[in-house]
Amino acid sequence: MEKTVWTRRGFMKAGIAGSALVLAPKAMAATSFGVGDKELIALSDGYFDMPASMFLGTPETLQADIGDPARIAANTYACRTGSRTILFDAGAGTSDFITGAFTTVSNLPADLASAGIAPEEVTDIVITHMHPDHVGGLAVGNQQAFPNARIHIAAAEWNFWNANGFATGAPEPMRSMVANVQALSSVIESNIMLHAGSADLGDGVSVMPAPGHTPGHSAIVLDGGREQFVVVGDLTVHEAVHFANPTYGWALDVDGEQAVATRISMLDMIATDGLIMGAAHVTKPGLGRVERDGSSFRFLPV
């Protein structure tokens, strides 16, 4: 198996200038920040309560510490840059698949409204991966929720979820989720912009591959010139688990071994370069730095 190894050289080769990010609070009660000349807004879609046993390899003592069920945040982010308003992931949405299982998410539309962002204003949505809690908010029923937005997704991710026969051929526990994703795909496909995994999307926004959790799982980098911010998607799923114990798995990882390798490499890069990360499933707002702690890491919230 080819392992992803993130290095500063590789990071810069992707077209991103290297410098530490310092977030300066702006308006909106600590949810809006300056990233160089760009505005970053931290948003919440709510939270999930998930069985602690989904953290594979965790001892019972750690499962007791995080709670059972474990509470997992659901964060996303928006950026205003020039004439563009860009979302990084789109929340869980309101499909029967989501609302039938979770009543504590689907808050992103209200958070966007509080930030003064109308759905029609969004010009681009960059997707880390196509699990329903990250893409479900792209549609409301059979209508696109952000009708004017180009939706950027890795081709490997789109092709994995939309493969012919996958909805019936996937392992039984996945089938309803795959069917949900494929139904969503049929609604949004006219606005989809596929990329090869590494791509410059303009205005300081780039994507790079971070596979394992899903085949086309991506990290998103916002480059403000002097400052940088990295959206890591589901690279980590709980701050009390995956920083101190980066080799522990997560039940929803498609390739657990690769997910661990990518996690360790990217956390090492983030720590080495002093970057700020934004994580979907770290306690709201999910912003922090990473420090090495022996062979493990420590998350330092902003």
C-alpha atoms as a PDB file:
ATOM      1  CA  MET A   1       0.000   0.000   0.000  1.00  0.00           C
ATOM      2  CA  GLU A   2       1.315   3.456  -0.910  1.00  0.00           C
ATOM      3  CA  LYS A   3       1.297   5.688   2.145  1.00  0.00           C
ATOM      4  CA  THR A   4       0.705   9.418   2.067  1.00  0.00           C
ATOM      5  CA  VAL A   5       3.628  11.298   3.611  1.00  0.00           C
ATOM      6  CA  TRP A   6       3.151  15.019   4.070  1.00  0.00           C
ATOM      7  CA  THR A   7       6.264  17.176   4.113  1.00  0.00           C
ATOM      8  CA  ARG A   8       6.826  20.911   3.967  1.00  0.00           C
ATOM      9  CA  ARG A   9       8.374  20.481   0.515  1.00  0.00           C
ATOM     10  CA  GLY A  10       5.295  18.603  -0.715  1.00  0.00           C
ATOM     11  CA  PHE A  11       3.028  21.184   0.849  1.00  0.00           C
ATOM     12  CA  MET A  12       4.812  24.041  -0.929  1.00  0.00           C
ATOM     13  CA  LYS A  13       5.002  22.053  -4.158  1.00  0.00           C
ATOM     14  CA  ALA A  14       1.209  22.054  -4.168  1.00  0.00           C
ATOM     15  CA  GLY A  15       1.421  25.818  -4.658  1.00  0.00           C
ATOM     16  CA  ILE A  16       1.045  27.015  -1.068  1.00  0.00           C
ATOM     17  CA  ALA A  17       3.511  29.485   0.447  1.00  0.00           C
ATOM     18  CA  GLY A  18       4.947  28.359   3.787  1.00  0.00           C
ATOM     19  CA  SER A  19       4.319  30.517   6.834  1.00  0.00           C
ATOM     20  CA  ALA A  20       2.613  30.039  10.177  1.00  0.00           C
ATOM     21  CA  LEU A  21      -1.002  31.086  10.514  1.00  0.00           C
ATOM     22  CA  VAL A  22      -2.061  33.479  13.225  1.00  0.00           C
ATOM     23  CA  LEU A  23      -5.798  33.942  13.536  1.00  0.00           C
ATOM     24  CA  ALA A  24      -6.875  37.400  14.621  1.00  0.00           C
ATOM     25  CA  PRO A  25     -10.411  37.596  16.042  1.00  0.00           C
ATOM     26  CA  LYS A  26     -12.780  39.889  14.179  1.00  0.00           C
ATOM     27  CA  ALA A  27     -16.506  40.407  14.500  1.00  0.00           C
ATOM     28  CA  MET A  28     -19.252  37.849  15.196  1.00  0.00           C
ATOM     29  CA  ALA A  29     -18.286  36.827  18.755  1.00  0.00           C
ATOM     30  CA  ALA A  30     -15.171  34.762  18.022  1.00  0.00           C
ATOM     31  CA  THR A  31     -16.607  32.889  15.050  1.00  0.00           C
ATOM     32  CA  SER A  32     -15.054  35.128  12.385  1.00  0.00           C
ATOM     33  CA  PHE A  33     -11.294  35.414  11.862  1.00  0.00           C
ATOM     34  CA  GLY A  34      -8.813  37.044   9.550  1.00  0.00           C
ATOM     35  CA  VAL A  35      -6.587  34.751   7.510  1.00  0.00           C
ATOM     36  CA  GLY A  36      -4.332  37.297   5.876  1.00  0.00           C
ATOM     37  CA  ASP A  37      -6.586  39.340   3.617  1.00  0.00           C
ATOM     38  CA  LYS A  38      -9.406  36.782   3.784  1.00  0.00           C
ATOM     39  CA  GLU A  39     -12.270  36.289   6.212  1.00  0.00           C
ATOM     40  CA  LEU A  40     -12.793  32.840   7.715  1.00  0.00           C
ATOM     41  CA  ILE A  41     -16.029  32.012   9.541  1.00  0.00           C
ATOM     42  CA  ALA A  42     -16.295  28.988  11.822  1.00  0.00           C
ATOM     43  CA  LEU A  43     -19.750  27.393  11.638  1.00  0.00           C
ATOM     44  CA  SER A  44     -21.511  24.586  13.481  1.00  0.00           C
ATOM     45  CA  ASP A  45     -23.954  22.035  12.122  1.00  0.00           C
ATOM     46  CA  GLY A  46     -24.569  20.656  15.634  1.00  0.00           C
ATOM     47  CA  TYR A  47     -23.178  17.416  17.029  1.00  0.00           C
ATOM     48  CA  PHE A  48     -23.490  13.628  16.958  1.00  0.00           C
ATOM     49  CA  ASP A  49     -23.645  11.162  19.836  1.00  0.00           C
ATOM     50  CA  MET A  50     -21.865   8.010  18.631  1.00  0.00           C
ATOM     51  CA  PRO A  51     -21.004   4.674  20.297  1.00  0.00           C
ATOM     52  CA  ALA A  52     -17.540   4.824  21.852  1.00  0.00           C
ATOM     53  CA  SER A  53     -16.856   1.376  20.392  1.00  0.00           C
ATOM     54  CA  MET A  54     -16.589   3.016  16.957  1.00  0.00           C
ATOM     55  CA  PHE A  55     -13.135   4.211  18.010  1.00  0.00           C
ATOM     56  CA  LEU A  56     -11.356   1.003  17.085  1.00  0.00           C
ATOM     57  CA  GLY A  57      -8.573  -0.147  19.356  1.00  0.00           C
ATOM     58  CA  THR A  58      -9.445   2.205  22.199  1.00  0.00           C
ATOM     59  CA  PRO A  59      -9.235   0.637  25.662  1.00  0.00           C
ATOM     60  CA  GLU A  60     -12.293   0.638  27.886  1.00  0.00           C
ATOM     61  CA  THR A  61     -10.713   3.272  30.136  1.00  0.00           C
ATOM     62  CA  LEU A  62     -10.472   5.734  27.249  1.00  0.00           C
ATOM     63  CA  GLN A  63     -13.994   4.909  26.106  1.00  0.00           C
ATOM     64  CA  ALA A  64     -15.177   5.728  29.624  1.00  0.00           C
ATOM     65  CA  ASP A  65     -13.270   9.026  29.525  1.00  0.00           C
ATOM     66  CA  ILE A  66     -14.855  10.183  26.274  1.00  0.00           C
ATOM     67  CA  GLY A  67     -18.294   8.909  27.257  1.00  0.00           C
ATOM     68  CA  ASP A  68     -20.537   6.312  25.726  1.00  0.00           C
ATOM     69  CA  PRO A  69     -22.034   7.602  23.582  1.00  0.00           C
ATOM     70  CA  ALA A  70     -19.189   9.945  22.701  1.00  0.00           C
ATOM     71  CA  ARG A  71     -20.205  13.453  21.704  1.00  0.00           C
ATOM     72  CA  ILE A  72     -18.671  14.450  18.375  1.00  0.00           C
ATOM     73  CA  ALA A  73     -18.851  17.992  17.058  1.00  0.00           C
ATOM     74  CA  ALA A  74     -19.959  18.799  13.506  1.00  0.00           C
ATOM     75  CA  ASN A  75     -18.043  21.870  12.322  1.00  0.00           C
ATOM     76  CA  THR A  76     -17.622  23.496   8.959  1.00  0.00           C
ATOM     77  CA  TYR A  77     -16.185  26.750   7.684  1.00  0.00           C
ATOM     78  CA  ALA A  78     -16.830  29.541   5.209  1.00  0.00           C
ATOM     79  CA  CYS A  79     -14.489  32.011   3.550  1.00  0.00           C
ATOM     80  CA  ARG A  80     -15.087  35.382   1.946  1.00  0.00           C
ATOM     81  CA  THR A  81     -12.368  36.282  -0.531  1.00  0.00           C
ATOM     82  CA  GLY A  82     -12.750  38.865  -3.268  1.00  0.00           C
ATOM     83  CA  SER A  83     -16.058  38.294  -5.040  1.00  0.00           C
ATOM     84  CA  ARG A  84     -16.345  34.697  -3.843  1.00  0.00           C
ATOM     85  CA  THR A  85     -18.060  33.156  -0.826  1.00  0.00           C
ATOM     86  CA  ILE A  86     -16.734  29.639  -0.331  1.00  0.00           C
ATOM     87  CA  LEU A  87     -17.968  26.871   1.965  1.00  0.00           C
ATOM     88  CA  PHE A  88     -15.709  24.065   3.149  1.00  0.00           C
ATOM     89  CA  ASP A  89     -18.198  21.150   3.394  1.00  0.00           C
ATOM     90  CA  ALA A  90     -21.964  21.600   3.612  1.00  0.00           C
ATOM     91  CA  GLY A  91     -23.312  19.915   6.741  1.00  0.00           C
ATOM     92  CA  ALA A  92     -25.667  16.982   7.149  1.00  0.00           C
ATOM     93  CA  GLY A  93     -28.842  18.382   5.637  1.00  0.00           C
ATOM     94  CA  THR A  94     -32.364  17.163   6.213  1.00  0.00           C
ATOM     95  CA  SER A  95     -32.746  13.904   4.293  1.00  0.00           C
ATOM     96  CA  ASP A  96     -34.688  11.089   5.932  1.00  0.00           C
ATOM     97  CA  PHE A  97     -31.404   9.195   6.249  1.00  0.00           C
ATOM     98  CA  ILE A  98     -30.023  11.932   8.542  1.00  0.00           C
ATOM     99  CA  THR A  99     -33.106  13.069  10.410  1.00  0.00           C
ATOM    100  CA  GLY A 100     -34.205   9.505  11.092  1.00  0.00           C
ATOM    101  CA  ALA A 101     -30.985   8.821  12.988  1.00  0.00           C
ATOM    102  CA  PHE A 102     -29.896  12.206  14.347  1.00  0.00           C
ATOM    103  CA  THR A 103     -31.859  15.168  15.666  1.00  0.00           C
ATOM    104  CA  THR A 104     -28.812  17.128  16.832  1.00  0.00           C
ATOM    105  CA  VAL A 105     -27.427  18.231  13.458  1.00  0.00           C
ATOM    106  CA  SER A 106     -28.673  20.159  10.404  1.00  0.00           C
ATOM    107  CA  ASN A 107     -28.067  23.538  12.057  1.00  0.00           C
ATOM    108  CA  LEU A 108     -25.764  24.902   9.339  1.00  0.00           C
ATOM    109  CA  PRO A 109     -28.450  26.932   7.498  1.00  0.00           C
ATOM    110  CA  ALA A 110     -29.222  28.837  10.697  1.00  0.00           C
ATOM    111  CA  ASP A 111     -25.517  29.457  11.360  1.00  0.00           C
ATOM    112  CA  LEU A 112     -25.021  30.701   7.812  1.00  0.00           C
ATOM    113  CA  ALA A 113     -27.952  33.070   8.217  1.00  0.00           C
ATOM    114  CA  SER A 114     -26.488  34.414  11.463  1.00  0.00           C
ATOM    115  CA  ALA A 115     -23.243  35.072   9.571  1.00  0.00           C
ATOM    116  CA  GLY A 116     -25.157  36.997   6.912  1.00  0.00           C
ATOM    117  CA  ILE A 117     -24.555  34.411   4.184  1.00  0.00           C
ATOM    118  CA  ALA A 118     -27.532  33.649   1.936  1.00  0.00           C
ATOM    119  CA  PRO A 119     -27.538  30.339   0.005  1.00  0.00           C
ATOM    120  CA  GLU A 120     -27.631  32.232  -3.308  1.00  0.00           C
ATOM    121  CA  GLU A 121     -24.480  34.131  -2.322  1.00  0.00           C
ATOM    122  CA  VAL A 122     -22.307  30.999  -2.077  1.00  0.00           C
ATOM    123  CA  THR A 123     -20.131  30.738  -5.186  1.00  0.00           C
ATOM    124  CA  ASP A 124     -18.131  27.596  -4.360  1.00  0.00           C
ATOM    125  CA  ILE A 125     -18.311  24.607  -2.025  1.00  0.00           C
ATOM    126  CA  VAL A 126     -15.174  22.535  -1.485  1.00  0.00           C
ATOM    127  CA  ILE A 127     -15.917  19.039  -0.192  1.00  0.00           C
ATOM    128  CA  THR A 128     -13.469  17.031   1.919  1.00  0.00           C
ATOM    129  CA  HIS A 129     -15.374  13.782   1.325  1.00  0.00           C
ATOM    130  CA  MET A 130     -18.866  12.492   0.596  1.00  0.00           C
ATOM    131  CA  HIS A 131     -20.066  11.054   3.889  1.00  0.00           C
ATOM    132  CA  PRO A 132     -23.610  12.345   4.400  1.00  0.00           C
ATOM    133  CA  ASP A 133     -22.711  14.598   7.335  1.00  0.00           C
ATOM    134  CA  HIS A 134     -20.430  16.569   4.977  1.00  0.00           C
ATOM    135  CA  VAL A 135     -22.525  16.675   1.798  1.00  0.00           C
ATOM    136  CA  GLY A 136     -26.147  16.169   2.869  1.00  0.00           C
ATOM    137  CA  GLY A 137     -26.674  19.912   3.144  1.00  0.00           C
ATOM    138  CA  LEU A 138     -26.011  20.363  -0.575  1.00  0.00           C
ATOM    139  CA  ALA A 139     -29.656  19.574  -1.319  1.00  0.00           C
ATOM    140  CA  VAL A 140     -33.074  20.203   0.166  1.00  0.00           C
ATOM    141  CA  GLY A 141     -35.353  17.517  -1.180  1.00  0.00           C
ATOM    142  CA  ASN A 142     -34.815  17.436  -4.929  1.00  0.00           C
ATOM    143  CA  GLN A 143     -33.446  20.982  -5.145  1.00  0.00           C
ATOM    144  CA  GLN A 144     -29.886  22.238  -4.828  1.00  0.00           C
ATOM    145  CA  ALA A 145     -29.501  24.162  -1.568  1.00  0.00           C
ATOM    146  CA  PHE A 146     -26.832  26.451  -3.058  1.00  0.00           C
ATOM    147  CA  PRO A 147     -28.015  26.923  -6.644  1.00  0.00           C
ATOM    148  CA  ASN A 148     -25.189  29.221  -7.771  1.00  0.00           C
ATOM    149  CA  ALA A 149     -22.303  27.265  -6.245  1.00  0.00           C
ATOM    150  CA  ARG A 150     -19.717  25.191  -8.043  1.00  0.00           C
ATOM    151  CA  ILE A 151     -19.149  22.048  -5.977  1.00  0.00           C
ATOM    152  CA  HIS A 152     -15.531  20.857  -5.967  1.00  0.00           C
ATOM    153  CA  ILE A 153     -14.998  17.148  -5.230  1.00  0.00           C
ATOM    154  CA  ALA A 154     -12.094  14.779  -5.901  1.00  0.00           C
ATOM    155  CA  ALA A 155     -12.847  12.531  -8.857  1.00  0.00           C
ATOM    156  CA  ALA A 156     -11.726   9.499  -6.822  1.00  0.00           C
ATOM    157  CA  GLU A 157     -14.349  10.350  -4.195  1.00  0.00           C
ATOM    158  CA  TRP A 158     -17.194  10.976  -6.633  1.00  0.00           C
ATOM    159  CA  ASN A 159     -16.435   7.808  -8.607  1.00  0.00           C
ATOM    160  CA  PHE A 160     -16.199   5.657  -5.463  1.00  0.00           C
ATOM    161  CA  TRP A 161     -19.629   6.618  -4.134  1.00  0.00           C
ATOM    162  CA  ASN A 162     -21.362   6.664  -7.519  1.00  0.00           C
ATOM    163  CA  ALA A 163     -20.038   3.402  -8.925  1.00  0.00           C
ATOM    164  CA  ASN A 164     -22.697   1.353 -10.688  1.00  0.00           C
ATOM    165  CA  GLY A 165     -24.098  -1.332  -8.411  1.00  0.00           C
ATOM    166  CA  PHE A 166     -22.466   0.047  -5.251  1.00  0.00           C
ATOM    167  CA  ALA A 167     -25.774   0.773  -3.522  1.00  0.00           C
ATOM    168  CA  THR A 168     -26.679  -2.930  -3.630  1.00  0.00           C
ATOM    169  CA  GLY A 169     -23.164  -4.404  -3.668  1.00  0.00           C
ATOM    170  CA  ALA A 170     -21.705  -2.524  -0.704  1.00  0.00           C
ATOM    171  CA  PRO A 171     -21.469  -4.263   2.676  1.00  0.00           C
ATOM    172  CA  GLU A 172     -24.937  -4.394   4.222  1.00  0.00           C
ATOM    173  CA  PRO A 173     -24.291  -1.740   6.928  1.00  0.00           C
ATOM    174  CA  MET A 174     -23.241   0.747   4.212  1.00  0.00           C
ATOM    175  CA  ARG A 175     -26.051   0.269   1.716  1.00  0.00           C
ATOM    176  CA  SER A 176     -28.498   2.836   3.032  1.00  0.00           C
ATOM    177  CA  MET A 177     -25.704   5.406   3.260  1.00  0.00           C
ATOM    178  CA  VAL A 178     -24.540   4.699  -0.288  1.00  0.00           C
ATOM    179  CA  ALA A 179     -28.105   4.973  -1.572  1.00  0.00           C
ATOM    180  CA  ASN A 180     -28.441   8.309   0.228  1.00  0.00           C
ATOM    181  CA  VAL A 181     -25.223   9.643  -1.312  1.00  0.00           C
ATOM    182  CA  GLN A 182     -26.186   8.456  -4.785  1.00  0.00           C
ATOM    183  CA  ALA A 183     -29.626  10.092  -4.526  1.00  0.00           C
ATOM    184  CA  LEU A 184     -27.945  13.334  -3.499  1.00  0.00           C
ATOM    185  CA  SER A 185     -25.468  13.044  -6.369  1.00  0.00           C
ATOM    186  CA  SER A 186     -28.293  12.944  -8.894  1.00  0.00           C
ATOM    187  CA  VAL A 187     -29.536  16.304  -7.570  1.00  0.00           C
ATOM    188  CA  ILE A 188     -26.189  18.130  -7.515  1.00  0.00           C
ATOM    189  CA  GLU A 189     -24.341  16.612 -10.479  1.00  0.00           C
ATOM    190  CA  SER A 190     -24.966  19.592 -12.789  1.00  0.00           C
ATOM    191  CA  ASN A 191     -22.884  21.801 -10.486  1.00  0.00           C
ATOM    192  CA  ILE A 192     -20.067  19.320  -9.803  1.00  0.00           C
ATOM    193  CA  MET A 193     -16.472  20.253 -10.644  1.00  0.00           C
ATOM    194  CA  LEU A 194     -14.188  17.220 -10.317  1.00  0.00           C
ATOM    195  CA  HIS A 195     -10.489  17.564  -9.515  1.00  0.00           C
ATOM    196  CA  ALA A 196      -7.600  15.104  -9.470  1.00  0.00           C
ATOM    197  CA  GLY A 197      -6.905  15.329  -5.729  1.00  0.00           C
ATOM    198  CA  SER A 198      -4.332  18.129  -5.826  1.00  0.00           C
ATOM    199  CA  ALA A 199      -5.781  21.312  -7.272  1.00  0.00           C
ATOM    200  CA  ASP A 200      -5.532  25.094  -7.115  1.00  0.00           C
ATOM    201  CA  LEU A 201      -9.091  26.428  -6.949  1.00  0.00           C
ATOM    202  CA  GLY A 202      -8.028  30.083  -7.067  1.00  0.00           C
ATOM    203  CA  ASP A 203      -8.091  32.938  -4.558  1.00  0.00           C
ATOM    204  CA  GLY A 204      -5.738  31.112  -2.206  1.00  0.00           C
ATOM    205  CA  VAL A 205      -7.837  27.936  -1.915  1.00  0.00           C
ATOM    206  CA  SER A 206      -6.163  24.607  -2.720  1.00  0.00           C
ATOM    207  CA  VAL A 207      -6.925  20.953  -2.103  1.00  0.00           C
ATOM    208  CA  MET A 208      -4.583  18.037  -1.540  1.00  0.00           C
ATOM    209  CA  PRO A 209      -5.239  14.311  -1.139  1.00  0.00           C
ATOM    210  CA  ALA A 210      -5.604  12.887   2.374  1.00  0.00           C
ATOM    211  CA  PRO A 211      -6.913   9.374   1.621  1.00  0.00           C
ATOM    212  CA  GLY A 212      -7.859   6.548   3.921  1.00  0.00           C
ATOM    213  CA  HIS A 213     -11.008   7.713   5.646  1.00  0.00           C
ATOM    214  CA  THR A 214     -12.455   7.558   2.137  1.00  0.00           C
ATOM    215  CA  PRO A 215     -10.608   7.015  -1.170  1.00  0.00           C
ATOM    216  CA  GLY A 216     -10.831  10.657  -2.258  1.00  0.00           C
ATOM    217  CA  HIS A 217     -10.738  12.299   1.170  1.00  0.00           C
ATOM    218  CA  SER A 218      -9.133  15.737   0.770  1.00  0.00           C
ATOM    219  CA  ALA A 219      -7.586  18.440   2.912  1.00  0.00           C
ATOM    220  CA  ILE A 220      -8.356  22.063   2.056  1.00  0.00           C
ATOM    221  CA  VAL A 221      -5.801  24.858   2.444  1.00  0.00           C
ATOM    222  CA  LEU A 222      -6.658  28.535   2.689  1.00  0.00           C
ATOM    223  CA  ASP A 223      -3.586  30.662   1.955  1.00  0.00           C
ATOM    224  CA  GLY A 224      -3.841  34.258   3.104  1.00  0.00           C
ATOM    225  CA  GLY A 225      -0.282  35.116   2.122  1.00  0.00           C
ATOM    226  CA  ARG A 226       1.320  35.549   5.538  1.00  0.00           C
ATOM    227  CA  GLU A 227      -1.134  33.124   7.133  1.00  0.00           C
ATOM    228  CA  GLN A 228      -2.453  29.643   6.400  1.00  0.00           C
ATOM    229  CA  PHE A 229      -5.359  27.511   7.552  1.00  0.00           C
ATOM    230  CA  VAL A 230      -5.892  23.793   6.864  1.00  0.00           C
ATOM    231  CA  VAL A 231      -9.297  22.079   6.907  1.00  0.00           C
ATOM    232  CA  VAL A 232      -8.609  18.420   7.671  1.00  0.00           C
ATOM    233  CA  GLY A 233     -12.084  16.891   7.382  1.00  0.00           C
ATOM    234  CA  ASP A 234     -12.207  13.557   9.202  1.00  0.00           C
ATOM    235  CA  LEU A 235      -8.460  13.189   9.628  1.00  0.00           C
ATOM    236  CA  THR A 236      -9.286  13.252  13.355  1.00  0.00           C
ATOM    237  CA  VAL A 237     -12.669  12.400  14.873  1.00  0.00           C
ATOM    238  CA  HIS A 238     -12.206  13.276  18.555  1.00  0.00           C
ATOM    239  CA  GLU A 239      -9.556  15.425  20.234  1.00  0.00           C
ATOM    240  CA  ALA A 240      -9.249  13.003  23.168  1.00  0.00           C
ATOM    241  CA  VAL A 241      -8.556  10.055  20.868  1.00  0.00           C
ATOM    242  CA  HIS A 242      -6.744  10.720  17.606  1.00  0.00           C
ATOM    243  CA  PHE A 243      -4.056  13.167  18.710  1.00  0.00           C
ATOM    244  CA  ALA A 244      -2.642  11.243  21.674  1.00  0.00           C
ATOM    245  CA  ASN A 245      -3.447   7.934  19.951  1.00  0.00           C
ATOM    246  CA  PRO A 246      -3.097   8.508  16.193  1.00  0.00           C
ATOM    247  CA  THR A 247      -2.958   4.768  15.456  1.00  0.00           C
ATOM    248  CA  TYR A 248      -6.452   4.138  16.825  1.00  0.00           C
ATOM    249  CA  GLY A 249      -9.025   3.584  14.127  1.00  0.00           C
ATOM    250  CA  TRP A 250     -12.513   4.811  13.358  1.00  0.00           C
ATOM    251  CA  ALA A 251     -15.231   2.440  12.252  1.00  0.00           C
ATOM    252  CA  LEU A 252     -16.178   4.537   9.220  1.00  0.00           C
ATOM    253  CA  ASP A 253     -12.679   4.532   7.701  1.00  0.00           C
ATOM    254  CA  VAL A 254     -12.744   2.790   4.327  1.00  0.00           C
ATOM    255  CA  ASP A 255      -9.027   1.931   4.542  1.00  0.00           C
ATOM    256  CA  GLY A 256      -8.026   1.969   8.202  1.00  0.00           C
ATOM    257  CA  GLU A 257      -4.306   1.408   7.623  1.00  0.00           C
ATOM    258  CA  GLN A 258      -4.055   4.234   5.126  1.00  0.00           C
ATOM    259  CA  ALA A 259      -6.166   6.512   7.326  1.00  0.00           C
ATOM    260  CA  VAL A 260      -3.683   6.046  10.181  1.00  0.00           C
ATOM    261  CA  ALA A 261      -0.678   6.694   7.910  1.00  0.00           C
ATOM    262  CA  THR A 262      -2.265   9.853   6.518  1.00  0.00           C
ATOM    263  CA  ARG A 263      -3.232  11.065  10.004  1.00  0.00           C
ATOM    264  CA  ILE A 264       0.296  10.711  11.355  1.00  0.00           C
ATOM    265  CA  SER A 265       1.921  12.329   8.322  1.00  0.00           C
ATOM    266  CA  MET A 266      -0.451  15.296   8.199  1.00  0.00           C
ATOM    267  CA  LEU A 267      -0.393  15.950  11.945  1.00  0.00           C
ATOM    268  CA  ASP A 268       3.396  15.870  11.775  1.00  0.00           C
ATOM    269  CA  MET A 269       3.339  18.422   8.954  1.00  0.00           C
ATOM    270  CA  ILE A 270       0.887  20.673  10.803  1.00  0.00           C
ATOM    271  CA  ALA A 271       3.038  20.535  13.951  1.00  0.00           C
ATOM    272  CA  THR A 272       6.299  21.096  12.060  1.00  0.00           C
ATOM    273  CA  ASP A 273       5.042  24.107  10.145  1.00  0.00           C
ATOM    274  CA  GLY A 274       3.037  25.664  12.976  1.00  0.00           C
ATOM    275  CA  LEU A 275      -0.173  25.698  10.959  1.00  0.00           C
ATOM    276  CA  ILE A 276      -3.692  26.124  12.290  1.00  0.00           C
ATOM    277  CA  MET A 277      -6.096  23.288  11.558  1.00  0.00           C
ATOM    278  CA  GLY A 278      -9.857  23.274  11.348  1.00  0.00           C
ATOM    279  CA  ALA A 279     -11.382  19.889  12.170  1.00  0.00           C
ATOM    280  CA  ALA A 280     -14.915  18.751  11.501  1.00  0.00           C
ATOM    281  CA  HIS A 281     -15.199  16.639  14.625  1.00  0.00           C
ATOM    282  CA  VAL A 282     -13.177  18.469  17.263  1.00  0.00           C
ATOM    283  CA  THR A 283     -15.160  20.450  19.841  1.00  0.00           C
ATOM    284  CA  LYS A 284     -16.650  23.625  18.339  1.00  0.00           C
ATOM    285  CA  PRO A 285     -15.184  25.615  16.649  1.00  0.00           C
ATOM    286  CA  GLY A 286     -12.566  22.938  15.915  1.00  0.00           C
ATOM    287  CA  LEU A 287      -9.665  25.374  15.520  1.00  0.00           C
ATOM    288  CA  GLY A 288      -6.245  24.690  16.975  1.00  0.00           C
ATOM    289  CA  ARG A 289      -2.542  24.073  16.683  1.00  0.00           C
ATOM    290  CA  VAL A 290      -0.797  20.725  16.957  1.00  0.00           C
ATOM    291  CA  GLU A 291       2.251  19.904  19.074  1.00  0.00           C
ATOM    292  CA  ARG A 292       4.289  16.715  19.110  1.00  0.00           C
ATOM    293  CA  ASP A 293       4.175  14.729  22.328  1.00  0.00           C
ATOM    294  CA  GLY A 294       6.754  11.955  21.924  1.00  0.00           C
ATOM    295  CA  SER A 295       5.449   9.686  19.189  1.00  0.00           C
ATOM    296  CA  SER A 296       1.984  11.213  19.564  1.00  0.00           C
ATOM    297  CA  PHE A 297       0.454  14.689  19.309  1.00  0.00           C
ATOM    298  CA  ARG A 298      -1.425  17.200  21.379  1.00  0.00           C
ATOM    299  CA  PHE A 299      -4.210  19.507  20.173  1.00  0.00           C
ATOM    300  CA  LEU A 300      -4.089  23.082  21.446  1.00  0.00           C
ATOM    301  CA  PRO A 301      -7.423  24.828  20.831  1.00  0.00           C
ATOM    302  CA  VAL A 302      -7.393  28.399  19.534  1.00  0.00           C
END
